[in-house]
Amino acid sequence: MMWTEPHCRESRSENRTNRAKEKKERDQETAVENKVQGSARSPKFGANHEKIRVCLSVWFESRAAELMSVSISTVRNVGTMSLGRNSSNDTCEINDGDLPLFLPISYGIICCFGLLSNTFSIFVFFIRRHADSSMAVYMRHLTLADSLLILCLPLRIFYHNKQGPFFLCKMVGIFFYINMYASISFLSLISLHRYLKIVKPVWVFCIQKVLWSRIASCVIWGLLLLGTALFFVSNNQNHPCKKICFHFHNKGLLAGSINLSVIALFGGLFLAFIVFYVKIALKLRTIEVGNADQTARDRRKRLVLKTFLVPVIFTLCFLPYHLVRAPYVLAQMNVIKEVESKQLLHIWNENTLLLSTLNSCLDPVIYYFLSSIYRKTILCAIQGKFKTMYDLNRRRISINRSITEI
């Protein structure tokens, strides 16, 4: 009993000490909290807190206004076209301007005149029978290319700037370009034939023979049809207006390279044209010097007209398109990035493409001056002497000079 009583007193003393420590710690914590709360309620801290709140409010309001303006501009630009590297957005920046009104009317006029003139050309070169020659073969295939191009125009008018079936749009476009470049190729062969006949009249080359002319024509059609596979493989890049027919479409590296290669080939043909007709002009100049009489001068004038009519039509119809086409393809590949430049090139490309289709109406003028049978058939048709036309066929008037006369 004596041992337990002191021990109890010690325990009670320790408990009181512990309680005193705990109370002291609680008092310290309470003092710290009161100090913090008091400083928060101080005028200086309240002013800083109010400034922060005002700044955050202003920032949120300006951010909301900016987002609202972007949304409004996006809605306004939904109907225009997307370009550039950010073309994955729905915003569009190029439009057709007056092209939707101008192009259908112009294509319609060309289609009417071209259909009439090429129908007559088909009658002369395919239905009527006359002495065949290399020039006749080239004119026959040129007439075929022009006629097929004319048949593309109604579909091009219908699908222009419409969200038609993508496959049909691409088929019409490829068919259009096949026949345009077929016309370019056969005009080049006609020019080569004229060059050989005027500059080197004594020599006879394989290309001047009927068989080789037919083979060359078939090779041209085969190469053009084979080239269509490349255009189907080389798909355009994705963009908001991908399904709009005959419009500005972004191109990848493969599609752009193919288009630039075609332009380079045209440049080579045009340089060949220049060489041919410079030499022809020099040859005709010697003819003028050696023949001073009036008859010789008249003959030379007719010869000059018939000879230089082909390069004039070729240059007028196809050179502007290819001059514009090169930077246009670069814009499609996003090498040219300015929106204003892309807009201008788009308008120029459509107008020069329209000019190129005028060739299908002007080629019959070439036939008139280069083919005596074509010329006499037109004159008989104008005079209403249809019986005379068939008599011309039976008698074979001027067979030796019929369609290849100089």
Protein backbone atom coordinates (compact mmCIF):
# COMPACT_ATOMS: atom_id res chain seq x y z
CA MET A 1 0.00 0.00 0.00
CA MET A 2 2.86 2.27 0.74
CA TRP A 3 4.36 1.48 -2.67
CA THR A 4 1.28 2.14 -4.77
CA GLU A 5 0.42 5.56 -3.38
CA PRO A 6 3.59 7.36 -4.56
CA HIS A 7 3.30 5.63 -7.86
CA CYS A 8 -0.24 6.98 -8.32
CA ARG A 9 0.90 10.46 -7.45
CA GLU A 10 3.55 10.27 -10.20
CA SER A 11 1.02 9.16 -12.75
CA ARG A 12 -1.31 12.01 -11.93
CA SER A 13 1.56 14.47 -12.20
CA GLU A 14 2.52 13.19 -15.68
CA ASN A 15 -1.07 13.43 -16.85
CA ARG A 16 -1.31 17.03 -15.73
CA THR A 17 1.94 17.82 -17.56
CA ASN A 18 0.74 16.22 -20.78
CA ARG A 19 -2.57 18.06 -20.62
CA ALA A 20 -0.74 21.32 -20.13
CA LYS A 21 1.44 20.68 -23.22
CA GLU A 22 -1.57 19.81 -25.35
CA LYS A 23 -3.38 22.95 -24.22
CA LYS A 24 -0.33 25.05 -25.01
CA GLU A 25 -0.12 23.56 -28.54
CA ARG A 26 -3.80 24.20 -29.13
CA ASP A 27 -3.41 27.76 -27.98
CA GLN A 28 -0.51 28.27 -30.38
CA GLU A 29 -2.48 26.83 -33.33
CA THR A 30 -5.45 29.03 -32.46
CA ALA A 31 -3.20 32.07 -32.33
CA VAL A 32 -1.73 31.30 -35.77
CA GLU A 33 -5.18 30.84 -37.28
CA ASN A 34 -6.41 34.07 -35.77
CA LYS A 35 -3.35 35.85 -37.14
CA VAL A 36 -3.95 34.55 -40.66
CA GLN A 37 -7.62 35.41 -40.54
CA GLY A 38 -6.84 38.82 -39.24
CA SER A 39 -4.34 39.52 -41.98
CA ALA A 40 -6.87 38.33 -44.59
CA ARG A 41 -9.34 40.86 -43.23
CA SER A 42 -6.76 43.60 -43.34
CA PRO A 43 -7.31 46.45 -45.89
CA LYS A 44 -4.05 45.77 -47.79
CA PHE A 45 -4.81 42.10 -48.47
CA GLY A 46 -8.40 42.92 -49.45
CA ALA A 47 -7.25 45.46 -52.02
CA ASN A 48 -4.85 42.95 -53.62
CA HIS A 49 -7.53 40.30 -53.71
CA GLU A 50 -9.94 42.72 -55.40
CA LYS A 51 -7.34 43.61 -58.07
CA ILE A 52 -6.76 39.94 -58.88
CA ARG A 53 -10.49 39.33 -59.15
CA VAL A 54 -10.94 42.29 -61.57
CA CYS A 55 -8.01 41.18 -63.79
CA LEU A 56 -9.35 37.66 -64.06
CA SER A 57 -12.80 38.97 -64.92
CA VAL A 58 -11.43 41.21 -67.71
CA TRP A 59 -9.32 38.36 -69.14
CA PHE A 60 -12.26 35.96 -69.25
CA GLU A 61 -14.48 38.57 -70.93
CA SER A 62 -11.88 39.34 -73.65
CA ARG A 63 -11.33 35.63 -74.29
CA ALA A 64 -15.06 35.04 -74.68
CA ALA A 65 -15.36 37.95 -77.14
CA GLU A 66 -12.44 36.58 -79.21
CA LEU A 67 -14.00 33.12 -79.40
CA MET A 68 -17.33 34.64 -80.38
CA SER A 69 -15.74 36.65 -83.26
CA VAL A 70 -13.97 33.54 -84.59
CA SER A 71 -17.23 31.60 -84.54
CA ILE A 72 -19.06 34.33 -86.47
CA SER A 73 -16.33 34.56 -89.14
CA THR A 74 -16.39 30.78 -89.54
CA VAL A 75 -20.13 30.77 -90.16
CA ARG A 76 -19.83 33.57 -92.73
CA ASN A 77 -17.12 31.74 -94.71
CA VAL A 78 -18.84 28.34 -94.94
CA GLY A 79 -19.77 28.83 -98.64
CA THR A 80 -16.24 29.67 -99.83
CA MET A 81 -13.28 27.43 -100.51
CA SER A 82 -10.51 26.21 -98.19
CA LEU A 83 -6.86 26.54 -99.19
CA GLY A 84 -3.36 26.21 -97.79
CA ARG A 85 -1.89 23.92 -95.22
CA ASN A 86 -4.73 24.66 -92.83
CA SER A 87 -7.29 23.47 -95.37
CA SER A 88 -8.44 20.80 -92.94
CA ASN A 89 -10.56 23.54 -91.37
CA ASP A 90 -14.01 24.31 -92.70
CA THR A 91 -13.15 27.90 -93.58
CA CYS A 92 -12.99 28.78 -97.32
CA GLU A 93 -11.21 31.65 -98.98
CA ILE A 94 -11.71 31.43 -102.80
CA ASN A 95 -14.83 31.82 -104.89
CA ASP A 96 -15.70 31.67 -108.59
CA GLY A 97 -16.78 35.29 -108.98
CA ASP A 98 -18.73 35.67 -112.24
CA LEU A 99 -17.56 32.32 -113.65
CA PRO A 100 -20.78 30.39 -112.82
CA LEU A 101 -22.68 32.79 -115.11
CA PHE A 102 -20.01 33.40 -117.76
CA LEU A 103 -18.66 29.89 -118.37
CA PRO A 104 -21.92 28.02 -119.11
CA ILE A 105 -22.97 30.64 -121.67
CA SER A 106 -19.56 30.65 -123.36
CA TYR A 107 -19.27 26.87 -123.37
CA GLY A 108 -22.78 26.65 -124.78
CA ILE A 109 -21.95 28.96 -127.70
CA ILE A 110 -18.75 27.04 -128.49
CA CYS A 111 -20.65 23.76 -128.25
CA CYS A 112 -23.25 24.87 -130.81
CA PHE A 113 -20.73 26.14 -133.38
CA GLY A 114 -18.36 23.25 -132.78
CA LEU A 115 -21.09 20.66 -133.12
CA LEU A 116 -22.19 22.10 -136.46
CA SER A 117 -18.69 22.44 -137.95
CA ASN A 118 -17.40 19.09 -136.72
CA THR A 119 -20.50 17.26 -137.92
CA PHE A 120 -19.73 18.55 -141.39
CA SER A 121 -16.07 17.54 -140.96
CA ILE A 122 -17.10 14.02 -139.98
CA PHE A 123 -19.21 13.84 -143.14
CA VAL A 124 -16.24 14.87 -145.30
CA PHE A 125 -13.51 12.77 -143.68
CA PHE A 126 -15.43 9.67 -142.55
CA ILE A 127 -18.51 9.25 -144.75
CA ARG A 128 -17.26 10.51 -148.10
CA ARG A 129 -14.63 8.42 -149.88
CA HIS A 130 -11.57 10.12 -151.30
CA ALA A 131 -7.92 9.39 -151.93
CA ASP A 132 -6.28 8.67 -148.56
CA SER A 133 -3.03 10.34 -147.53
CA SER A 134 -1.03 10.99 -144.39
CA MET A 135 -2.53 14.48 -144.06
CA ALA A 136 -6.01 13.00 -144.47
CA VAL A 137 -5.28 10.55 -141.64
CA TYR A 138 -4.17 13.33 -139.30
CA MET A 139 -7.19 15.48 -140.15
CA ARG A 140 -9.52 12.54 -139.61
CA HIS A 141 -8.17 11.91 -136.11
CA LEU A 142 -8.12 15.63 -135.34
CA THR A 143 -11.80 15.79 -136.30
CA LEU A 144 -12.51 12.84 -134.00
CA ALA A 145 -10.72 14.51 -131.08
CA ASP A 146 -12.55 17.82 -131.63
CA SER A 147 -15.92 16.07 -131.87
CA LEU A 148 -15.37 14.15 -128.63
CA LEU A 149 -14.28 17.36 -126.92
CA ILE A 150 -17.46 19.08 -128.06
CA LEU A 151 -19.51 16.21 -126.62
CA CYS A 152 -17.83 16.79 -123.23
CA LEU A 153 -18.95 20.41 -123.04
CA PRO A 154 -22.63 19.80 -122.09
CA LEU A 155 -21.53 17.58 -119.19
CA ARG A 156 -18.93 20.13 -118.15
CA ILE A 157 -21.60 22.83 -118.19
CA PHE A 158 -23.94 20.67 -116.11
CA TYR A 159 -21.39 19.61 -113.50
CA HIS A 160 -19.53 22.92 -113.20
CA ASN A 161 -19.36 24.03 -109.55
CA LYS A 162 -21.80 21.30 -108.47
CA GLN A 163 -21.34 18.60 -105.87
CA GLY A 164 -21.88 15.83 -108.37
CA PRO A 165 -20.65 12.24 -108.08
CA PHE A 166 -16.88 12.43 -107.75
CA PHE A 167 -16.24 9.57 -110.21
CA LEU A 168 -18.36 11.14 -112.95
CA CYS A 169 -16.75 14.55 -112.42
CA LYS A 170 -13.30 13.06 -112.75
CA MET A 171 -14.28 10.99 -115.81
CA VAL A 172 -15.66 14.05 -117.61
CA GLY A 173 -12.56 16.07 -116.72
CA ILE A 174 -10.14 13.37 -117.89
CA PHE A 175 -12.10 12.79 -121.10
CA PHE A 176 -11.98 16.54 -121.70
CA TYR A 177 -8.20 16.72 -121.33
CA ILE A 178 -7.58 13.57 -123.40
CA ASN A 179 -9.25 15.12 -126.41
CA MET A 180 -7.63 18.51 -125.86
CA TYR A 181 -4.14 16.98 -125.90
CA ALA A 182 -5.11 14.74 -128.80
CA SER A 183 -5.89 17.92 -130.76
CA ILE A 184 -2.50 19.35 -129.76
CA SER A 185 -0.74 16.16 -130.88
CA PHE A 186 -2.42 15.93 -134.29
CA LEU A 187 -1.86 19.63 -134.98
CA SER A 188 1.81 18.99 -134.23
CA LEU A 189 1.88 16.11 -136.73
CA ILE A 190 0.19 18.28 -139.35
CA SER A 191 2.85 20.94 -138.78
CA LEU A 192 5.61 18.34 -139.11
CA HIS A 193 4.06 17.16 -142.37
CA ARG A 194 3.93 20.72 -143.71
CA TYR A 195 7.53 21.30 -142.68
CA LEU A 196 8.78 18.19 -144.48
CA LYS A 197 6.76 18.93 -147.60
CA ILE A 198 7.89 22.56 -147.93
CA VAL A 199 11.45 22.50 -146.60
CA LYS A 200 12.42 19.03 -147.85
CA PRO A 201 10.10 18.39 -150.81
CA VAL A 202 12.40 15.89 -152.54
CA TRP A 203 12.77 13.59 -149.56
CA VAL A 204 10.06 11.14 -148.53
CA PHE A 205 10.01 10.21 -144.85
CA CYS A 206 8.21 7.30 -143.21
CA ILE A 207 5.90 9.67 -141.32
CA GLN A 208 4.61 10.93 -144.68
CA LYS A 209 3.36 7.48 -145.66
CA VAL A 210 -0.24 6.52 -144.95
CA LEU A 211 0.62 3.38 -142.97
CA TRP A 212 3.02 5.18 -140.67
CA SER A 213 0.55 8.02 -140.21
CA ARG A 214 -2.05 5.53 -139.02
CA ILE A 215 0.43 3.90 -136.66
CA ALA A 216 1.47 7.28 -135.24
CA SER A 217 -2.18 8.23 -134.69
CA CYS A 218 -2.90 4.97 -132.85
CA VAL A 219 0.20 5.45 -130.68
CA ILE A 220 -0.97 8.93 -129.69
CA TRP A 221 -4.40 7.67 -128.64
CA GLY A 222 -2.81 4.79 -126.74
CA LEU A 223 -0.45 7.04 -124.81
CA LEU A 224 -3.24 9.44 -123.92
CA LEU A 225 -5.50 6.64 -122.68
CA LEU A 226 -2.62 5.14 -120.71
CA GLY A 227 -2.02 8.50 -119.08
CA THR A 228 -5.52 8.48 -117.61
CA ALA A 229 -4.45 5.76 -115.18
CA LEU A 230 -1.96 8.17 -113.63
CA PHE A 231 -4.69 10.74 -113.01
CA PHE A 232 -6.88 8.14 -111.29
CA VAL A 233 -4.00 7.00 -109.08
CA SER A 234 -2.88 10.52 -108.15
CA ASN A 235 -5.75 11.58 -105.93
CA ASN A 236 -6.02 15.17 -104.77
CA GLN A 237 -5.49 16.10 -101.15
CA ASN A 238 -8.46 16.27 -98.83
CA HIS A 239 -10.11 19.67 -98.53
CA PRO A 240 -13.61 20.98 -97.80
CA CYS A 241 -14.55 21.44 -101.49
CA LYS A 242 -13.21 18.11 -102.72
CA LYS A 243 -16.56 17.07 -104.18
CA ILE A 244 -17.13 20.30 -106.14
CA CYS A 245 -16.57 19.61 -109.82
CA PHE A 246 -14.02 21.52 -111.92
CA HIS A 247 -12.89 23.77 -109.10
CA PHE A 248 -9.61 24.71 -107.42
CA HIS A 249 -8.40 21.54 -105.70
CA ASN A 250 -5.23 21.13 -103.70
CA LYS A 251 -2.79 18.60 -105.21
CA GLY A 252 -0.18 16.38 -103.65
CA LEU A 253 3.37 15.92 -104.90
CA LEU A 254 2.54 13.08 -107.33
CA ALA A 255 -0.47 14.77 -108.98
CA GLY A 256 1.35 18.09 -109.21
CA SER A 257 4.44 16.48 -110.74
CA ILE A 258 2.34 14.75 -113.41
CA ASN A 259 0.66 18.03 -114.35
CA LEU A 260 3.97 19.88 -114.52
CA SER A 261 5.42 17.11 -116.72
CA VAL A 262 2.54 17.52 -119.17
CA ILE A 263 3.17 21.26 -119.28
CA ALA A 264 6.86 20.59 -119.98
CA LEU A 265 5.92 18.29 -122.89
CA PHE A 266 3.75 21.03 -124.33
CA GLY A 267 6.67 23.41 -124.03
CA GLY A 268 8.79 21.00 -126.07
CA LEU A 269 6.12 20.77 -128.77
CA PHE A 270 5.82 24.54 -128.91
CA LEU A 271 9.58 24.91 -129.36
CA ALA A 272 9.38 22.39 -132.20
CA PHE A 273 6.61 24.54 -133.72
CA ILE A 274 8.89 27.57 -133.62
CA VAL A 275 11.74 25.69 -135.30
CA PHE A 276 9.46 24.28 -138.02
CA TYR A 277 7.89 27.57 -138.97
CA VAL A 278 11.08 29.62 -138.80
CA LYS A 279 12.59 27.27 -141.38
CA ILE A 280 9.38 27.35 -143.43
CA ALA A 281 9.46 31.17 -143.40
CA LEU A 282 13.06 31.16 -144.62
CA LYS A 283 12.13 28.74 -147.38
CA LEU A 284 9.16 30.84 -148.49
CA ARG A 285 11.38 33.91 -148.56
CA THR A 286 13.62 32.26 -151.14
CA ILE A 287 10.55 31.37 -153.21
CA GLU A 288 9.53 35.04 -153.24
CA VAL A 289 12.95 36.18 -154.39
CA GLY A 290 13.09 33.67 -157.21
CA ASN A 291 9.60 34.42 -158.57
CA ALA A 292 8.86 38.09 -159.11
CA ASP A 293 5.81 37.76 -161.38
CA GLN A 294 2.29 38.44 -160.09
CA THR A 295 1.14 34.84 -160.40
CA ALA A 296 4.01 33.60 -158.28
CA ARG A 297 3.35 36.25 -155.63
CA ASP A 298 -0.35 35.31 -155.44
CA ARG A 299 0.57 31.67 -155.12
CA ARG A 300 3.01 32.49 -152.37
CA LYS A 301 0.38 34.49 -150.45
CA ARG A 302 -1.98 31.53 -150.52
CA LEU A 303 0.85 29.28 -149.43
CA VAL A 304 1.75 31.58 -146.52
CA LEU A 305 -1.88 31.75 -145.40
CA LYS A 306 -2.30 27.98 -145.47
CA THR A 307 1.02 27.35 -143.79
CA PHE A 308 0.91 29.83 -140.92
CA LEU A 309 -2.76 29.34 -140.12
CA VAL A 310 -1.92 26.24 -138.06
CA PRO A 311 0.62 27.91 -135.72
CA VAL A 312 -1.60 30.96 -135.27
CA ILE A 313 -4.55 28.84 -134.13
CA PHE A 314 -2.28 26.61 -132.04
CA THR A 315 -0.71 29.59 -130.26
CA LEU A 316 -3.98 31.44 -129.76
CA CYS A 317 -5.82 28.49 -128.23
CA PHE A 318 -3.22 26.55 -126.25
CA LEU A 319 -0.31 28.80 -125.28
CA PRO A 320 -2.24 31.07 -122.83
CA TYR A 321 -3.66 28.06 -121.00
CA HIS A 322 -0.26 26.45 -120.44
CA LEU A 323 1.36 29.74 -119.44
CA VAL A 324 -1.24 30.07 -116.67
CA ARG A 325 -1.33 26.36 -115.91
CA ALA A 326 2.24 26.17 -114.55
CA PRO A 327 1.79 28.69 -111.68
CA TYR A 328 -1.75 27.38 -111.17
CA VAL A 329 -0.42 23.88 -110.43
CA LEU A 330 2.20 25.38 -108.11
CA ALA A 331 -0.64 27.11 -106.26
CA GLN A 332 -2.49 23.80 -106.02
CA MET A 333 0.66 22.25 -104.53
CA ASN A 334 0.75 25.16 -102.03
CA VAL A 335 4.11 26.39 -103.34
CA ILE A 336 2.32 29.69 -103.99
CA LYS A 337 0.65 30.40 -100.66
CA GLU A 338 -0.94 33.84 -101.05
CA VAL A 339 -4.73 33.61 -101.16
CA GLU A 340 -4.99 36.57 -103.54
CA SER A 341 -2.63 34.88 -106.02
CA LYS A 342 -4.59 31.62 -105.82
CA GLN A 343 -7.84 33.47 -106.44
CA LEU A 344 -6.42 35.24 -109.50
CA LEU A 345 -4.85 32.07 -110.93
CA HIS A 346 -8.13 30.21 -110.50
CA ILE A 347 -10.00 32.80 -112.57
CA TRP A 348 -7.30 32.91 -115.25
CA ASN A 349 -7.12 29.13 -115.47
CA GLU A 350 -10.85 28.81 -116.15
CA ASN A 351 -10.82 31.58 -118.76
CA THR A 352 -7.80 30.21 -120.65
CA LEU A 353 -9.28 26.71 -120.52
CA LEU A 354 -12.38 28.15 -122.17
CA LEU A 355 -10.14 29.70 -124.82
CA SER A 356 -8.52 26.33 -125.52
CA THR A 357 -11.90 24.78 -126.40
CA LEU A 358 -12.26 27.39 -129.14
CA ASN A 359 -9.78 25.26 -131.10
CA SER A 360 -12.54 22.76 -131.88
CA CYS A 361 -14.38 25.51 -133.78
CA LEU A 362 -11.27 26.83 -135.57
CA ASP A 363 -9.84 23.53 -136.82
CA PRO A 364 -12.41 23.34 -139.66
CA VAL A 365 -10.86 26.60 -140.93
CA ILE A 366 -7.58 24.69 -141.25
CA TYR A 367 -9.36 21.94 -143.17
CA TYR A 368 -10.84 24.50 -145.54
CA PHE A 369 -7.44 25.88 -146.55
CA LEU A 370 -5.46 22.62 -146.50
CA SER A 371 -7.98 20.30 -148.16
CA SER A 372 -9.35 20.99 -151.63
CA ILE A 373 -12.04 18.33 -151.16
CA TYR A 374 -13.21 19.92 -147.91
CA ARG A 375 -13.25 23.35 -149.54
CA LYS A 376 -15.16 22.18 -152.63
CA THR A 377 -17.64 20.27 -150.48
CA ILE A 378 -18.38 23.41 -148.46
CA LEU A 379 -18.85 25.49 -151.60
CA CYS A 380 -21.19 22.92 -153.09
CA ALA A 381 -23.16 22.72 -149.86
CA ILE A 382 -23.51 26.50 -149.71
CA GLN A 383 -24.75 26.60 -153.30
CA GLY A 384 -27.13 23.72 -152.68
CA LYS A 385 -25.49 21.53 -155.31
CA PHE A 386 -25.63 18.26 -153.40
CA LYS A 387 -25.57 16.28 -156.63
CA THR A 388 -22.34 18.00 -157.58
CA MET A 389 -20.81 16.92 -154.27
CA TYR A 390 -21.36 13.28 -155.09
CA ASP A 391 -20.18 13.83 -158.66
CA LEU A 392 -16.96 15.19 -157.22
CA ASN A 393 -16.60 11.98 -155.31
CA ARG A 394 -17.05 9.81 -158.42
CA ARG A 395 -14.76 11.79 -160.67
CA ARG A 396 -12.07 12.20 -157.99
CA ILE A 397 -11.20 15.75 -159.01
CA SER A 398 -7.57 16.68 -158.40
CA ILE A 399 -6.72 13.48 -156.57
CA ASN A 400 -3.02 14.20 -156.58
CA ARG A 401 -3.54 17.59 -154.88
CA SER A 402 -6.70 16.75 -152.95
CA ILE A 403 -5.86 16.99 -149.30
CA THR A 404 -2.12 17.47 -149.23
CA GLU A 405 -1.76 20.21 -151.80
CA ILE A 406 0.61 23.03 -151.01
